[in-house]
Structure formats: structure tokens, C-alpha cells
Amino acid sequence: MNTRRSFVQFALFGIAAAAPGAALAAEALHPGFLFHPLGPDAELGLGWRLQRVYPPAQGAVTLTMAHAAGRQVRVDVCLRNGAPRGPASTELLDFIVMDGGDGTAEMEESLGRALRRLAAVAAENENSDLARIRELSPHADRVWSHPDAMAAAAHRLAPGAPSA
């Protein structure tokens, strides 16, 4: 436990898992606290807005981002484990664009900037309720645990929605 991140991860997964009644009810896990004070349809700049925030599913909070030109993008907010994998991150979270790629494709700069703004808001809030964060998983763990769901996620904007 040489770093604060190691300590937080230990606290999230070690102590929390051992505590009696550690499982959280789904209704207690609404992720809106992460993006406070932003609400539905919050403008993030450069034509992007945070259209919707979904409750955690399969280890991630899913966001639907919408651009003024009509483009929509699904972003999964996962637990960060090591170096960031997405275009934006915080100390505890990683923002992964679910576009079906392997993470090497060029991304529209305006989307990256909007996500970094959103991550800055989340960074201010993430330590306010670590119990809620502990239900998230690193992206690599999610891919390993739910390979079919992760592959299909690139083709739908809402968790659990049928693939297009």
C-alpha cells in the first residue's frame, strides 16, 4: 500500500467486502452524485451534452453523450486500475468510449475535451461516497467477465437495450 490509490482500492474491495451487509441495494446506487451539480442534458461545451446517466450495470456507470449535430456516444465509467485506458480519467475512475474498437482509433477532439470536463466534475465528487464506487470494476475485468455484453455494448446506447 504505497500509494493513496492502493489504499483506496484496498478499502473498497478488502474492508468493504468483509463488512457485514456490504452489498448495496440497487436503489441506493444512483450515480448522479458523481456529476453533481450537472443534471440531465447538461452542456459540456463544444456542442456536447451529458444526455443521460444510467445506474451501474456489469461494473460500470453508462453515460449517453449527445452532440448538437445529432451524434450520440456511449461512455462507460469504470473503476480505474493503473494507467488510464480512456480519453478521460480521475484518481478512481476511467471514462471508456464504447465504440467497438480496441482503444487505438482516433477520437474526435471535442468529445475528448467534453469527457475531460466531465471527469473533472467527477473528480470533485468521487471521494464523497466510496461505498457507491465499490460496485464498479476496471474495464479489463469487465471485458473478461462479460465478453459478449462488452462486444455488443458498442452497438447500443442504453445498458440492456437490444443491439442495433
N, C-alpha and C. Protein backbone atom coordinates (compact mmCIF):
# COMPACT_ATOMS: atom_id res chain seq x y z
N MET A 1 0.84 -1.18 0.00
CA MET A 1 0.00 0.00 0.00
C MET A 1 0.88 1.24 0.00
N ASN A 2 1.57 1.48 -1.10
CA ASN A 2 2.48 2.61 -1.16
C ASN A 2 1.81 3.89 -1.60
N THR A 3 0.65 3.80 -2.21
CA THR A 3 0.00 5.00 -2.73
C THR A 3 -1.40 5.13 -2.17
N ARG A 4 -1.92 6.34 -2.32
CA ARG A 4 -3.29 6.59 -1.89
C ARG A 4 -4.26 5.70 -2.67
N ARG A 5 -3.99 5.52 -3.99
CA ARG A 5 -4.86 4.68 -4.82
C ARG A 5 -4.89 3.26 -4.27
N SER A 6 -3.73 2.73 -3.90
CA SER A 6 -3.68 1.37 -3.34
C SER A 6 -4.51 1.29 -2.07
N PHE A 7 -4.39 2.31 -1.24
CA PHE A 7 -5.16 2.32 0.00
C PHE A 7 -6.65 2.34 -0.29
N VAL A 8 -7.06 3.22 -1.22
CA VAL A 8 -8.48 3.33 -1.56
C VAL A 8 -8.99 2.01 -2.13
N GLN A 9 -8.22 1.39 -3.04
CA GLN A 9 -8.65 0.13 -3.61
C GLN A 9 -8.75 -0.95 -2.53
N PHE A 10 -7.80 -0.97 -1.60
CA PHE A 10 -7.88 -1.92 -0.50
C PHE A 10 -9.15 -1.67 0.31
N ALA A 11 -9.40 -0.41 0.61
CA ALA A 11 -10.58 -0.07 1.39
C ALA A 11 -11.85 -0.46 0.66
N LEU A 12 -11.87 -0.21 -0.64
CA LEU A 12 -13.07 -0.52 -1.42
C LEU A 12 -13.33 -2.01 -1.50
N PHE A 13 -12.30 -2.79 -1.74
CA PHE A 13 -12.51 -4.21 -2.01
C PHE A 13 -12.20 -5.11 -0.82
N GLY A 14 -11.28 -4.73 0.02
CA GLY A 14 -10.93 -5.56 1.16
C GLY A 14 -11.87 -5.38 2.32
N ILE A 15 -11.85 -4.20 2.88
CA ILE A 15 -12.66 -3.93 4.07
C ILE A 15 -14.14 -3.99 3.74
N ALA A 16 -14.53 -3.36 2.63
CA ALA A 16 -15.95 -3.30 2.28
C ALA A 16 -16.53 -4.69 2.03
N ALA A 17 -15.78 -5.54 1.37
CA ALA A 17 -16.28 -6.89 1.08
C ALA A 17 -16.43 -7.71 2.35
N ALA A 18 -15.59 -7.44 3.34
CA ALA A 18 -15.65 -8.21 4.58
C ALA A 18 -16.69 -7.69 5.55
N ALA A 19 -17.16 -6.46 5.35
CA ALA A 19 -18.10 -5.86 6.27
C ALA A 19 -19.47 -6.53 6.17
N PRO A 20 -20.13 -6.75 7.29
CA PRO A 20 -21.48 -7.32 7.23
C PRO A 20 -22.40 -6.38 6.48
N GLY A 21 -23.23 -6.95 5.62
CA GLY A 21 -24.18 -6.13 4.87
C GLY A 21 -23.52 -5.24 3.84
N ALA A 22 -22.37 -5.65 3.30
CA ALA A 22 -21.64 -4.79 2.36
C ALA A 22 -22.36 -4.62 1.03
N ALA A 23 -23.21 -5.55 0.67
CA ALA A 23 -23.92 -5.42 -0.61
C ALA A 23 -24.88 -4.25 -0.53
N LEU A 24 -24.88 -3.45 -1.58
CA LEU A 24 -25.75 -2.28 -1.63
C LEU A 24 -27.00 -2.60 -2.42
N ALA A 25 -28.11 -2.05 -2.00
CA ALA A 25 -29.34 -2.18 -2.78
C ALA A 25 -29.21 -1.33 -4.03
N ALA A 26 -29.77 -1.80 -5.13
CA ALA A 26 -29.66 -1.08 -6.40
C ALA A 26 -30.19 0.33 -6.28
N GLU A 27 -31.26 0.55 -5.53
CA GLU A 27 -31.82 1.88 -5.44
C GLU A 27 -30.90 2.84 -4.69
N ALA A 28 -29.99 2.35 -3.90
CA ALA A 28 -29.06 3.21 -3.17
C ALA A 28 -27.85 3.58 -4.01
N LEU A 29 -27.80 3.09 -5.22
CA LEU A 29 -26.58 3.22 -6.00
C LEU A 29 -26.70 4.18 -7.18
N HIS A 30 -27.63 5.12 -7.13
CA HIS A 30 -27.75 6.03 -8.27
C HIS A 30 -26.47 6.85 -8.40
N PRO A 31 -25.89 6.90 -9.60
CA PRO A 31 -24.58 7.53 -9.80
C PRO A 31 -24.62 9.04 -9.98
N GLY A 32 -25.77 9.67 -9.85
CA GLY A 32 -25.87 11.12 -10.07
C GLY A 32 -24.92 11.93 -9.21
N PHE A 33 -24.56 11.42 -8.02
CA PHE A 33 -23.67 12.16 -7.14
C PHE A 33 -22.32 12.44 -7.80
N LEU A 34 -21.90 11.57 -8.70
CA LEU A 34 -20.60 11.76 -9.36
C LEU A 34 -20.54 13.03 -10.20
N PHE A 35 -21.66 13.42 -10.76
CA PHE A 35 -21.66 14.52 -11.71
C PHE A 35 -22.34 15.77 -11.18
N HIS A 36 -22.62 15.81 -9.89
CA HIS A 36 -23.22 16.98 -9.26
C HIS A 36 -22.28 18.17 -9.39
N PRO A 37 -22.71 19.31 -9.80
CA PRO A 37 -24.07 19.81 -9.89
C PRO A 37 -24.71 19.66 -11.29
N LEU A 38 -24.08 18.93 -12.18
CA LEU A 38 -24.64 18.77 -13.52
C LEU A 38 -25.88 17.90 -13.48
N GLY A 39 -26.87 18.26 -14.24
CA GLY A 39 -28.10 17.50 -14.31
C GLY A 39 -28.32 16.96 -15.71
N PRO A 40 -29.51 16.40 -15.95
CA PRO A 40 -29.82 15.88 -17.28
C PRO A 40 -29.68 16.97 -18.34
N ASP A 41 -29.12 16.58 -19.47
CA ASP A 41 -28.90 17.47 -20.60
C ASP A 41 -27.94 18.62 -20.30
N ALA A 42 -27.03 18.42 -19.36
CA ALA A 42 -26.04 19.44 -19.02
C ALA A 42 -25.10 19.68 -20.20
N GLU A 43 -24.90 20.94 -20.52
CA GLU A 43 -23.99 21.33 -21.59
C GLU A 43 -22.54 21.18 -21.10
N LEU A 44 -21.72 20.53 -21.92
CA LEU A 44 -20.31 20.32 -21.57
C LEU A 44 -19.37 21.13 -22.45
N GLY A 45 -19.92 21.80 -23.43
CA GLY A 45 -19.11 22.62 -24.33
C GLY A 45 -18.82 21.91 -25.64
N LEU A 46 -18.44 22.70 -26.64
CA LEU A 46 -18.08 22.21 -27.96
C LEU A 46 -19.20 21.41 -28.62
N GLY A 47 -20.45 21.73 -28.26
CA GLY A 47 -21.60 21.06 -28.84
C GLY A 47 -22.04 19.80 -28.12
N TRP A 48 -21.28 19.35 -27.11
CA TRP A 48 -21.59 18.11 -26.39
C TRP A 48 -22.41 18.39 -25.14
N ARG A 49 -23.29 17.44 -24.83
CA ARG A 49 -24.05 17.50 -23.58
C ARG A 49 -24.15 16.09 -22.99
N LEU A 50 -24.28 16.05 -21.69
CA LEU A 50 -24.48 14.79 -20.97
C LEU A 50 -25.97 14.50 -21.04
N GLN A 51 -26.36 13.62 -21.94
CA GLN A 51 -27.77 13.36 -22.17
C GLN A 51 -28.40 12.55 -21.05
N ARG A 52 -27.73 11.46 -20.63
CA ARG A 52 -28.32 10.58 -19.62
C ARG A 52 -27.24 9.82 -18.87
N VAL A 53 -27.52 9.56 -17.58
CA VAL A 53 -26.65 8.75 -16.73
C VAL A 53 -27.47 7.56 -16.26
N TYR A 54 -26.97 6.35 -16.52
CA TYR A 54 -27.67 5.12 -16.13
C TYR A 54 -27.07 4.56 -14.85
N PRO A 55 -27.88 3.87 -14.05
CA PRO A 55 -27.35 3.21 -12.85
C PRO A 55 -26.32 2.15 -13.26
N PRO A 56 -25.44 1.78 -12.35
CA PRO A 56 -24.41 0.80 -12.67
C PRO A 56 -24.98 -0.52 -13.17
N ALA A 57 -24.33 -1.08 -14.19
CA ALA A 57 -24.66 -2.39 -14.72
C ALA A 57 -23.37 -3.03 -15.18
N GLN A 58 -23.16 -4.28 -14.84
CA GLN A 58 -21.98 -5.04 -15.23
C GLN A 58 -20.68 -4.28 -14.92
N GLY A 59 -20.66 -3.59 -13.78
CA GLY A 59 -19.44 -2.95 -13.30
C GLY A 59 -19.15 -1.57 -13.80
N ALA A 60 -20.11 -0.91 -14.47
CA ALA A 60 -19.85 0.45 -14.97
C ALA A 60 -21.10 1.30 -14.91
N VAL A 61 -20.89 2.60 -14.80
CA VAL A 61 -21.95 3.58 -14.97
C VAL A 61 -21.90 3.98 -16.43
N THR A 62 -23.03 3.90 -17.13
CA THR A 62 -23.06 4.25 -18.54
C THR A 62 -23.63 5.65 -18.72
N LEU A 63 -22.97 6.40 -19.59
CA LEU A 63 -23.40 7.75 -19.95
C LEU A 63 -23.77 7.77 -21.42
N THR A 64 -24.79 8.52 -21.77
CA THR A 64 -25.06 8.81 -23.17
C THR A 64 -24.70 10.27 -23.38
N MET A 65 -23.78 10.50 -24.29
CA MET A 65 -23.36 11.85 -24.66
C MET A 65 -24.00 12.17 -26.01
N ALA A 66 -24.44 13.40 -26.19
CA ALA A 66 -25.07 13.79 -27.45
C ALA A 66 -24.42 15.07 -27.95
N HIS A 67 -24.23 15.15 -29.26
CA HIS A 67 -23.66 16.33 -29.89
C HIS A 67 -24.76 17.10 -30.60
N ALA A 68 -24.62 18.41 -30.68
CA ALA A 68 -25.62 19.26 -31.32
C ALA A 68 -25.87 18.84 -32.77
N ALA A 69 -24.88 18.22 -33.42
CA ALA A 69 -25.03 17.78 -34.81
C ALA A 69 -25.80 16.47 -34.92
N GLY A 70 -26.21 15.88 -33.78
CA GLY A 70 -27.02 14.66 -33.80
C GLY A 70 -26.29 13.39 -33.43
N ARG A 71 -25.00 13.42 -33.31
CA ARG A 71 -24.23 12.22 -32.95
C ARG A 71 -24.43 11.88 -31.49
N GLN A 72 -24.55 10.57 -31.18
CA GLN A 72 -24.63 10.10 -29.81
C GLN A 72 -23.51 9.09 -29.56
N VAL A 73 -23.00 9.10 -28.34
CA VAL A 73 -21.89 8.22 -27.97
C VAL A 73 -22.18 7.61 -26.61
N ARG A 74 -21.85 6.33 -26.46
CA ARG A 74 -21.95 5.65 -25.18
C ARG A 74 -20.57 5.68 -24.52
N VAL A 75 -20.55 6.06 -23.24
CA VAL A 75 -19.31 6.08 -22.47
C VAL A 75 -19.56 5.29 -21.19
N ASP A 76 -18.71 4.32 -20.90
CA ASP A 76 -18.81 3.56 -19.66
C ASP A 76 -17.77 4.09 -18.68
N VAL A 77 -18.22 4.44 -17.50
CA VAL A 77 -17.33 4.92 -16.44
C VAL A 77 -17.03 3.72 -15.55
N CYS A 78 -15.76 3.32 -15.57
CA CYS A 78 -15.30 2.12 -14.86
C CYS A 78 -14.35 2.52 -13.73
N LEU A 79 -14.06 1.56 -12.89
CA LEU A 79 -13.05 1.77 -11.85
C LEU A 79 -11.68 1.81 -12.52
N ARG A 80 -10.88 2.77 -12.16
CA ARG A 80 -9.53 2.87 -12.74
C ARG A 80 -8.60 1.93 -12.00
N ASN A 81 -7.79 1.22 -12.78
CA ASN A 81 -6.82 0.28 -12.21
C ASN A 81 -5.51 0.49 -12.95
N GLY A 82 -4.60 1.24 -12.38
CA GLY A 82 -3.34 1.54 -13.06
C GLY A 82 -3.48 2.73 -13.98
N ALA A 83 -2.76 2.66 -15.10
CA ALA A 83 -2.77 3.76 -16.06
C ALA A 83 -4.15 3.91 -16.68
N PRO A 84 -4.58 5.15 -16.96
CA PRO A 84 -5.89 5.34 -17.59
C PRO A 84 -5.95 4.65 -18.95
N ARG A 85 -7.13 4.13 -19.28
CA ARG A 85 -7.33 3.47 -20.58
C ARG A 85 -8.19 4.31 -21.50
N GLY A 86 -9.00 5.19 -20.95
CA GLY A 86 -9.91 6.00 -21.75
C GLY A 86 -9.36 7.40 -21.99
N PRO A 87 -10.13 8.21 -22.71
CA PRO A 87 -9.69 9.57 -23.02
C PRO A 87 -9.76 10.53 -21.84
N ALA A 88 -10.43 10.12 -20.76
CA ALA A 88 -10.51 10.94 -19.56
C ALA A 88 -10.50 10.01 -18.35
N SER A 89 -10.00 10.54 -17.24
CA SER A 89 -9.95 9.73 -16.02
C SER A 89 -9.86 10.62 -14.81
N THR A 90 -10.07 10.00 -13.65
CA THR A 90 -9.87 10.64 -12.36
C THR A 90 -8.94 9.72 -11.58
N GLU A 91 -8.77 10.00 -10.32
CA GLU A 91 -7.95 9.12 -9.49
C GLU A 91 -8.54 7.72 -9.39
N LEU A 92 -9.88 7.64 -9.37
CA LEU A 92 -10.56 6.35 -9.18
C LEU A 92 -11.31 5.84 -10.41
N LEU A 93 -11.59 6.70 -11.38
CA LEU A 93 -12.48 6.34 -12.49
C LEU A 93 -11.80 6.47 -13.84
N ASP A 94 -12.27 5.67 -14.79
CA ASP A 94 -11.78 5.70 -16.17
C ASP A 94 -12.98 5.81 -17.09
N PHE A 95 -12.97 6.76 -18.00
CA PHE A 95 -14.07 7.00 -18.93
C PHE A 95 -13.73 6.32 -20.25
N ILE A 96 -14.45 5.25 -20.60
CA ILE A 96 -14.17 4.44 -21.78
C ILE A 96 -15.26 4.67 -22.83
N VAL A 97 -14.85 5.11 -24.03
CA VAL A 97 -15.80 5.28 -25.13
C VAL A 97 -16.08 3.89 -25.70
N MET A 98 -17.35 3.50 -25.69
CA MET A 98 -17.75 2.17 -26.14
C MET A 98 -18.11 2.24 -27.63
N ASP A 99 -17.07 2.17 -28.46
CA ASP A 99 -17.29 2.29 -29.91
C ASP A 99 -16.91 1.02 -30.66
N GLY A 100 -16.64 -0.06 -29.94
CA GLY A 100 -16.32 -1.33 -30.58
C GLY A 100 -14.88 -1.47 -30.99
N GLY A 101 -14.07 -0.47 -30.72
CA GLY A 101 -12.66 -0.52 -31.11
C GLY A 101 -11.80 -1.12 -30.03
N ASP A 102 -10.50 -1.05 -30.28
CA ASP A 102 -9.54 -1.59 -29.31
C ASP A 102 -8.81 -0.49 -28.55
N GLY A 103 -9.32 0.73 -28.64
CA GLY A 103 -8.72 1.84 -27.92
C GLY A 103 -7.64 2.56 -28.67
N THR A 104 -7.38 2.18 -29.90
CA THR A 104 -6.30 2.82 -30.66
C THR A 104 -6.81 3.80 -31.72
N ALA A 105 -8.12 3.82 -31.96
CA ALA A 105 -8.67 4.68 -33.01
C ALA A 105 -8.61 6.16 -32.60
N GLU A 106 -8.50 7.02 -33.59
CA GLU A 106 -8.56 8.45 -33.34
C GLU A 106 -9.95 8.80 -32.82
N MET A 107 -9.99 9.73 -31.90
CA MET A 107 -11.27 10.16 -31.35
C MET A 107 -11.42 11.64 -31.62
N GLU A 108 -12.64 12.05 -31.85
CA GLU A 108 -12.93 13.46 -32.08
C GLU A 108 -12.45 14.28 -30.87
N GLU A 109 -11.62 15.28 -31.13
CA GLU A 109 -11.03 16.08 -30.05
C GLU A 109 -12.10 16.73 -29.17
N SER A 110 -13.19 17.18 -29.77
CA SER A 110 -14.22 17.85 -28.96
C SER A 110 -14.85 16.88 -27.96
N LEU A 111 -15.01 15.62 -28.33
CA LEU A 111 -15.54 14.63 -27.40
C LEU A 111 -14.56 14.41 -26.25
N GLY A 112 -13.28 14.28 -26.57
CA GLY A 112 -12.27 14.10 -25.53
C GLY A 112 -12.25 15.26 -24.55
N ARG A 113 -12.37 16.47 -25.06
CA ARG A 113 -12.38 17.64 -24.18
C ARG A 113 -13.63 17.67 -23.31
N ALA A 114 -14.79 17.31 -23.88
CA ALA A 114 -16.02 17.26 -23.10
C ALA A 114 -15.92 16.20 -22.00
N LEU A 115 -15.34 15.06 -22.33
CA LEU A 115 -15.18 14.00 -21.33
C LEU A 115 -14.20 14.41 -20.23
N ARG A 116 -13.16 15.12 -20.59
CA ARG A 116 -12.22 15.59 -19.56
C ARG A 116 -12.90 16.60 -18.63
N ARG A 117 -13.80 17.42 -19.17
CA ARG A 117 -14.54 18.34 -18.31
C ARG A 117 -15.44 17.55 -17.36
N LEU A 118 -16.11 16.54 -17.89
CA LEU A 118 -16.98 15.71 -17.05
C LEU A 118 -16.16 14.97 -15.99
N ALA A 119 -14.98 14.49 -16.36
CA ALA A 119 -14.11 13.81 -15.40
C ALA A 119 -13.66 14.76 -14.29
N ALA A 120 -13.44 16.02 -14.62
CA ALA A 120 -13.05 17.00 -13.60
C ALA A 120 -14.17 17.17 -12.57
N VAL A 121 -15.41 17.16 -13.03
CA VAL A 121 -16.55 17.24 -12.11
C VAL A 121 -16.60 15.99 -11.24
N ALA A 122 -16.44 14.82 -11.86
CA ALA A 122 -16.46 13.56 -11.11
C ALA A 122 -15.34 13.50 -10.09
N ALA A 123 -14.18 14.05 -10.43
CA ALA A 123 -13.04 14.04 -9.50
C ALA A 123 -13.35 14.80 -8.22
N GLU A 124 -14.16 15.83 -8.33
CA GLU A 124 -14.55 16.61 -7.15
C GLU A 124 -15.52 15.83 -6.25
N ASN A 125 -16.20 14.83 -6.82
CA ASN A 125 -17.25 14.12 -6.08
C ASN A 125 -16.94 12.68 -5.72
N GLU A 126 -15.97 12.07 -6.37
CA GLU A 126 -15.79 10.62 -6.24
C GLU A 126 -15.47 10.15 -4.83
N ASN A 127 -14.81 10.95 -4.04
CA ASN A 127 -14.46 10.53 -2.68
C ASN A 127 -15.57 10.80 -1.67
N SER A 128 -16.68 11.40 -2.12
CA SER A 128 -17.76 11.73 -1.19
C SER A 128 -18.57 10.50 -0.79
N ASP A 129 -18.51 9.44 -1.58
CA ASP A 129 -19.25 8.23 -1.23
C ASP A 129 -18.56 7.02 -1.86
N LEU A 130 -17.47 6.58 -1.24
CA LEU A 130 -16.70 5.45 -1.76
C LEU A 130 -17.50 4.15 -1.77
N ALA A 131 -18.50 4.04 -0.93
CA ALA A 131 -19.32 2.84 -0.93
C ALA A 131 -20.00 2.64 -2.27
N ARG A 132 -20.39 3.71 -2.91
CA ARG A 132 -21.04 3.60 -4.22
C ARG A 132 -20.04 3.22 -5.31
N ILE A 133 -18.83 3.67 -5.18
CA ILE A 133 -17.81 3.40 -6.19
C ILE A 133 -17.42 1.92 -6.20
N ARG A 134 -17.54 1.25 -5.07
CA ARG A 134 -17.03 -0.12 -4.97
C ARG A 134 -17.77 -1.13 -5.84
N GLU A 135 -18.92 -0.78 -6.38
CA GLU A 135 -19.61 -1.70 -7.28
C GLU A 135 -19.08 -1.65 -8.70
N LEU A 136 -18.21 -0.69 -8.98
CA LEU A 136 -17.64 -0.59 -10.32
C LEU A 136 -16.45 -1.53 -10.45
N SER A 137 -16.11 -1.86 -11.69
CA SER A 137 -14.99 -2.75 -11.99
C SER A 137 -14.08 -2.10 -13.01
N PRO A 138 -12.81 -2.46 -13.03
CA PRO A 138 -11.94 -1.98 -14.11
C PRO A 138 -12.43 -2.51 -15.46
N HIS A 139 -12.19 -1.74 -16.52
CA HIS A 139 -12.65 -2.13 -17.85
C HIS A 139 -12.13 -3.51 -18.25
N ALA A 140 -10.87 -3.80 -18.00
CA ALA A 140 -10.30 -5.10 -18.38
C ALA A 140 -11.04 -6.24 -17.69
N ASP A 141 -11.41 -6.06 -16.43
CA ASP A 141 -12.17 -7.10 -15.71
C ASP A 141 -13.55 -7.27 -16.32
N ARG A 142 -14.16 -6.17 -16.74
CA ARG A 142 -15.49 -6.25 -17.35
C ARG A 142 -15.42 -7.00 -18.68
N VAL A 143 -14.40 -6.72 -19.47
CA VAL A 143 -14.25 -7.41 -20.76
C VAL A 143 -14.09 -8.90 -20.53
N TRP A 144 -13.32 -9.26 -19.52
CA TRP A 144 -13.07 -10.66 -19.20
C TRP A 144 -14.34 -11.33 -18.66
N SER A 145 -15.06 -10.64 -17.79
CA SER A 145 -16.25 -11.22 -17.15
C SER A 145 -17.49 -11.22 -18.03
N HIS A 146 -17.59 -10.26 -18.94
CA HIS A 146 -18.80 -10.10 -19.77
C HIS A 146 -18.42 -9.88 -21.23
N PRO A 147 -17.68 -10.80 -21.87
CA PRO A 147 -17.18 -10.53 -23.23
C PRO A 147 -18.28 -10.28 -24.25
N ASP A 148 -19.36 -11.03 -24.22
CA ASP A 148 -20.44 -10.82 -25.19
C ASP A 148 -21.12 -9.48 -24.97
N ALA A 149 -21.35 -9.14 -23.71
CA ALA A 149 -22.01 -7.87 -23.41
C ALA A 149 -21.13 -6.69 -23.80
N MET A 150 -19.84 -6.79 -23.59
CA MET A 150 -18.94 -5.68 -23.95
C MET A 150 -18.87 -5.52 -25.46
N ALA A 151 -18.85 -6.61 -26.18
CA ALA A 151 -18.80 -6.53 -27.64
C ALA A 151 -20.08 -5.90 -28.18
N ALA A 152 -21.20 -6.25 -27.60
CA ALA A 152 -22.49 -5.72 -28.07
C ALA A 152 -22.72 -4.28 -27.61
N ALA A 153 -22.05 -3.85 -26.55
CA ALA A 153 -22.28 -2.51 -25.98
C ALA A 153 -21.99 -1.40 -26.97
N ALA A 154 -21.10 -1.63 -27.90
CA ALA A 154 -20.76 -0.60 -28.87
C ALA A 154 -21.92 -0.28 -29.79
N HIS A 155 -22.89 -1.16 -29.85
CA HIS A 155 -23.99 -1.00 -30.79
C HIS A 155 -25.29 -0.53 -30.14
N ARG A 156 -25.22 -0.18 -28.87
CA ARG A 156 -26.42 0.34 -28.20
C ARG A 156 -26.01 1.43 -27.23
N LEU A 157 -26.91 2.35 -27.00
CA LEU A 157 -26.61 3.47 -26.12
C LEU A 157 -27.05 3.23 -24.69
N ALA A 158 -28.04 2.39 -24.49
CA ALA A 158 -28.57 2.14 -23.16
C ALA A 158 -28.18 0.74 -22.69
N PRO A 159 -27.76 0.60 -21.42
CA PRO A 159 -27.45 -0.72 -20.90
C PRO A 159 -28.68 -1.62 -20.99
N GLY A 160 -28.47 -2.83 -21.47
CA GLY A 160 -29.55 -3.80 -21.54
C GLY A 160 -30.46 -3.66 -22.74
N ALA A 161 -30.30 -2.58 -23.51
CA ALA A 161 -31.14 -2.40 -24.70
C ALA A 161 -30.72 -3.40 -25.77
N PRO A 162 -31.65 -3.82 -26.62
CA PRO A 162 -31.27 -4.74 -27.71
C PRO A 162 -30.24 -4.10 -28.62
N SER A 163 -29.35 -4.93 -29.16
CA SER A 163 -28.34 -4.43 -30.09
C SER A 163 -29.02 -3.98 -31.38
N ALA A 164 -28.41 -2.99 -32.02
CA ALA A 164 -28.96 -2.46 -33.27
C ALA A 164 -28.68 -3.41 -34.42
